[in-house]
Amino acid sequence: MSKRCELTGVGPLNGNTVSHANNHSRRRWLPNLRKKRIFLPDENRWVTLRVTANVLKTLTKKGMASVKKMRARVERSQG
C-alpha cells in the first residue's frame, strides 16, 4: 500500500539529514497518514480513507463538501 493521501495525493518527500558536522545523508519525510471512516450523507454510506492529519483538520473546518472537490482534483491529476 502506497504512502499517499487518497484525497490530496500528498506523498513522501526526500532530502538530506544534515548533522552538526555538516555530514549529509539521504532521508525521506513520510506523510502523517491516518485511516478514517467518513460518512457521506448524499451517498448514504461510510467510506474508509487513508488521509493526512492536515486533511482531517480541513474536513473538520470546511465540512463534507470539500471531500468531493479534493477527490475530483486528485482523480484529474492521476487520470
N, C-alpha and C. Protein backbone atom coordinates (compact mmCIF):
# COMPACT_ATOMS: atom_id res chain seq x y z
N MET A 1 0.85 -1.18 0.00
CA MET A 1 0.00 0.00 0.00
C MET A 1 0.90 1.24 0.00
N SER A 2 0.62 2.15 -0.91
CA SER A 2 1.48 3.32 -1.02
C SER A 2 1.23 4.31 0.11
N LYS A 3 2.24 5.06 0.44
CA LYS A 3 2.14 6.07 1.48
C LYS A 3 1.70 7.38 0.83
N ARG A 4 0.43 7.42 0.40
CA ARG A 4 -0.09 8.56 -0.33
C ARG A 4 -1.50 8.87 0.17
N CYS A 5 -1.80 10.15 0.36
CA CYS A 5 -3.13 10.57 0.79
C CYS A 5 -4.12 10.35 -0.34
N GLU A 6 -5.27 9.76 -0.04
CA GLU A 6 -6.26 9.45 -1.07
C GLU A 6 -7.04 10.67 -1.52
N LEU A 7 -7.06 11.73 -0.74
CA LEU A 7 -7.81 12.92 -1.14
C LEU A 7 -6.95 13.98 -1.80
N THR A 8 -5.77 14.21 -1.27
CA THR A 8 -4.92 15.28 -1.81
C THR A 8 -3.78 14.77 -2.67
N GLY A 9 -3.43 13.48 -2.55
CA GLY A 9 -2.34 12.93 -3.33
C GLY A 9 -0.96 13.23 -2.76
N VAL A 10 -0.89 13.73 -1.54
CA VAL A 10 0.40 14.04 -0.91
C VAL A 10 1.15 12.74 -0.66
N GLY A 11 2.43 12.71 -1.03
CA GLY A 11 3.25 11.52 -0.84
C GLY A 11 4.54 11.86 -0.11
N PRO A 12 5.45 10.91 -0.04
CA PRO A 12 6.72 11.15 0.65
C PRO A 12 7.57 12.21 -0.06
N LEU A 13 8.30 12.97 0.74
CA LEU A 13 9.27 13.93 0.22
C LEU A 13 10.66 13.39 0.57
N ASN A 14 11.68 13.84 -0.16
CA ASN A 14 13.01 13.38 0.17
C ASN A 14 13.97 14.56 0.24
N GLY A 15 15.09 14.32 0.91
CA GLY A 15 16.08 15.36 1.10
C GLY A 15 17.24 14.82 1.89
N ASN A 16 17.94 15.70 2.57
CA ASN A 16 19.12 15.32 3.33
C ASN A 16 18.91 15.55 4.81
N THR A 17 19.48 14.64 5.62
CA THR A 17 19.66 14.89 7.03
C THR A 17 21.05 15.50 7.16
N VAL A 18 21.14 16.64 7.81
CA VAL A 18 22.42 17.32 7.95
C VAL A 18 22.82 17.30 9.42
N SER A 19 23.96 16.69 9.72
CA SER A 19 24.43 16.58 11.09
C SER A 19 25.10 17.88 11.52
N HIS A 20 25.47 17.93 12.78
CA HIS A 20 26.16 19.10 13.31
C HIS A 20 27.51 19.31 12.61
N ALA A 21 28.13 18.21 12.18
CA ALA A 21 29.40 18.27 11.46
C ALA A 21 29.20 18.50 9.96
N ASN A 22 27.95 18.78 9.57
CA ASN A 22 27.58 19.09 8.19
C ASN A 22 27.73 17.87 7.27
N ASN A 23 27.59 16.67 7.83
CA ASN A 23 27.54 15.46 7.01
C ASN A 23 26.14 15.31 6.45
N HIS A 24 26.03 14.97 5.18
CA HIS A 24 24.73 14.83 4.53
C HIS A 24 24.44 13.36 4.28
N SER A 25 23.25 12.92 4.63
CA SER A 25 22.80 11.58 4.28
C SER A 25 21.34 11.68 3.84
N ARG A 26 20.97 10.87 2.87
CA ARG A 26 19.63 10.94 2.29
C ARG A 26 18.59 10.40 3.27
N ARG A 27 17.40 10.98 3.23
CA ARG A 27 16.29 10.51 4.06
C ARG A 27 14.97 10.86 3.40
N ARG A 28 13.89 10.29 3.94
CA ARG A 28 12.54 10.55 3.43
C ARG A 28 11.68 11.11 4.55
N TRP A 29 10.81 12.04 4.21
CA TRP A 29 9.79 12.54 5.12
C TRP A 29 8.47 11.94 4.68
N LEU A 30 7.87 11.10 5.54
CA LEU A 30 6.63 10.44 5.20
C LEU A 30 5.44 11.28 5.64
N PRO A 31 4.34 11.24 4.88
CA PRO A 31 3.14 11.99 5.28
C PRO A 31 2.51 11.38 6.53
N ASN A 32 1.83 12.21 7.31
CA ASN A 32 1.19 11.77 8.55
C ASN A 32 -0.18 11.18 8.20
N LEU A 33 -0.18 9.92 7.73
CA LEU A 33 -1.41 9.28 7.27
C LEU A 33 -2.20 8.67 8.41
N ARG A 34 -3.51 8.80 8.31
CA ARG A 34 -4.46 8.23 9.27
C ARG A 34 -5.56 7.53 8.49
N LYS A 35 -6.01 6.37 8.98
CA LYS A 35 -7.15 5.68 8.38
C LYS A 35 -8.40 6.20 9.07
N LYS A 36 -9.37 6.70 8.29
CA LYS A 36 -10.55 7.34 8.87
C LYS A 36 -11.80 6.94 8.10
N ARG A 37 -12.84 6.58 8.85
CA ARG A 37 -14.14 6.31 8.24
C ARG A 37 -14.93 7.62 8.21
N ILE A 38 -15.42 7.97 7.03
CA ILE A 38 -16.14 9.23 6.84
C ILE A 38 -17.51 8.90 6.25
N PHE A 39 -18.56 9.49 6.82
CA PHE A 39 -19.91 9.26 6.33
C PHE A 39 -20.24 10.30 5.26
N LEU A 40 -20.66 9.83 4.09
CA LEU A 40 -21.09 10.71 3.01
C LEU A 40 -22.61 10.74 2.99
N PRO A 41 -23.23 11.84 3.47
CA PRO A 41 -24.69 11.85 3.60
C PRO A 41 -25.43 11.78 2.26
N ASP A 42 -24.88 12.39 1.20
CA ASP A 42 -25.59 12.36 -0.08
C ASP A 42 -25.56 10.96 -0.72
N GLU A 43 -24.53 10.15 -0.42
CA GLU A 43 -24.46 8.78 -0.91
C GLU A 43 -25.00 7.79 0.12
N ASN A 44 -25.25 8.26 1.35
CA ASN A 44 -25.79 7.47 2.46
C ASN A 44 -24.93 6.23 2.73
N ARG A 45 -23.61 6.43 2.81
CA ARG A 45 -22.71 5.31 3.09
C ARG A 45 -21.44 5.82 3.76
N TRP A 46 -20.73 4.86 4.40
CA TRP A 46 -19.45 5.14 5.02
C TRP A 46 -18.34 4.83 4.04
N VAL A 47 -17.29 5.64 4.05
CA VAL A 47 -16.13 5.42 3.20
C VAL A 47 -14.90 5.44 4.10
N THR A 48 -14.02 4.44 3.94
CA THR A 48 -12.77 4.41 4.69
C THR A 48 -11.67 4.97 3.80
N LEU A 49 -10.99 6.01 4.30
CA LEU A 49 -9.95 6.68 3.53
C LEU A 49 -8.67 6.74 4.33
N ARG A 50 -7.52 6.72 3.63
CA ARG A 50 -6.23 7.00 4.24
C ARG A 50 -5.87 8.42 3.89
N VAL A 51 -5.99 9.30 4.86
CA VAL A 51 -5.77 10.72 4.62
C VAL A 51 -4.76 11.27 5.62
N THR A 52 -4.18 12.42 5.30
CA THR A 52 -3.23 13.06 6.20
C THR A 52 -3.98 13.77 7.32
N ALA A 53 -3.27 14.01 8.40
CA ALA A 53 -3.85 14.72 9.54
C ALA A 53 -4.28 16.13 9.14
N ASN A 54 -3.55 16.73 8.20
CA ASN A 54 -3.90 18.07 7.73
C ASN A 54 -5.27 18.05 7.02
N VAL A 55 -5.57 17.01 6.25
CA VAL A 55 -6.87 16.89 5.58
C VAL A 55 -7.98 16.72 6.61
N LEU A 56 -7.72 15.99 7.69
CA LEU A 56 -8.74 15.82 8.73
C LEU A 56 -9.11 17.16 9.35
N LYS A 57 -8.11 18.02 9.55
CA LYS A 57 -8.38 19.36 10.08
C LYS A 57 -9.22 20.16 9.09
N THR A 58 -8.93 20.02 7.80
CA THR A 58 -9.68 20.72 6.77
C THR A 58 -11.12 20.24 6.73
N LEU A 59 -11.33 18.92 6.84
CA LEU A 59 -12.69 18.37 6.83
C LEU A 59 -13.48 18.87 8.03
N THR A 60 -12.83 18.97 9.19
CA THR A 60 -13.50 19.48 10.37
C THR A 60 -13.93 20.92 10.17
N LYS A 61 -13.10 21.70 9.51
CA LYS A 61 -13.38 23.12 9.33
C LYS A 61 -14.38 23.37 8.20
N LYS A 62 -14.16 22.76 7.03
CA LYS A 62 -14.95 23.07 5.84
C LYS A 62 -16.10 22.12 5.59
N GLY A 63 -16.08 20.95 6.20
CA GLY A 63 -17.19 20.02 6.05
C GLY A 63 -17.02 19.05 4.90
N MET A 64 -18.07 18.28 4.66
CA MET A 64 -18.00 17.20 3.68
C MET A 64 -18.02 17.69 2.24
N ALA A 65 -18.42 18.93 2.01
CA ALA A 65 -18.43 19.44 0.64
C ALA A 65 -17.03 19.48 0.06
N SER A 66 -16.05 19.67 0.91
CA SER A 66 -14.68 19.74 0.43
C SER A 66 -14.13 18.38 0.03
N VAL A 67 -14.73 17.28 0.50
CA VAL A 67 -14.25 15.93 0.16
C VAL A 67 -14.37 15.68 -1.33
N LYS A 68 -15.51 15.98 -1.90
CA LYS A 68 -15.72 15.71 -3.32
C LYS A 68 -14.81 16.58 -4.19
N LYS A 69 -14.57 17.82 -3.78
CA LYS A 69 -13.68 18.69 -4.54
C LYS A 69 -12.26 18.13 -4.54
N MET A 70 -11.80 17.67 -3.36
CA MET A 70 -10.45 17.11 -3.26
C MET A 70 -10.33 15.82 -4.06
N ARG A 71 -11.35 14.96 -3.98
CA ARG A 71 -11.31 13.70 -4.72
C ARG A 71 -11.28 13.95 -6.22
N ALA A 72 -12.08 14.90 -6.69
CA ALA A 72 -12.13 15.21 -8.12
C ALA A 72 -10.78 15.75 -8.60
N ARG A 73 -10.15 16.59 -7.78
CA ARG A 73 -8.87 17.17 -8.16
C ARG A 73 -7.79 16.10 -8.28
N VAL A 74 -7.78 15.15 -7.36
CA VAL A 74 -6.77 14.07 -7.39
C VAL A 74 -7.02 13.16 -8.58
N GLU A 75 -8.29 12.82 -8.86
CA GLU A 75 -8.60 11.94 -9.98
C GLU A 75 -8.22 12.59 -11.31
N ARG A 76 -8.39 13.90 -11.43
CA ARG A 76 -7.99 14.61 -12.67
C ARG A 76 -6.49 14.55 -12.86
N SER A 77 -5.74 14.76 -11.76
CA SER A 77 -4.28 14.78 -11.88
C SER A 77 -3.70 13.39 -12.12
N GLN A 78 -4.34 12.35 -11.62
CA GLN A 78 -3.84 10.99 -11.82
C GLN A 78 -4.34 10.38 -13.12
N GLY A 79 -5.51 10.78 -13.57
CA GLY A 79 -6.14 10.16 -14.71
C GLY A 79 -5.66 10.68 -15.99
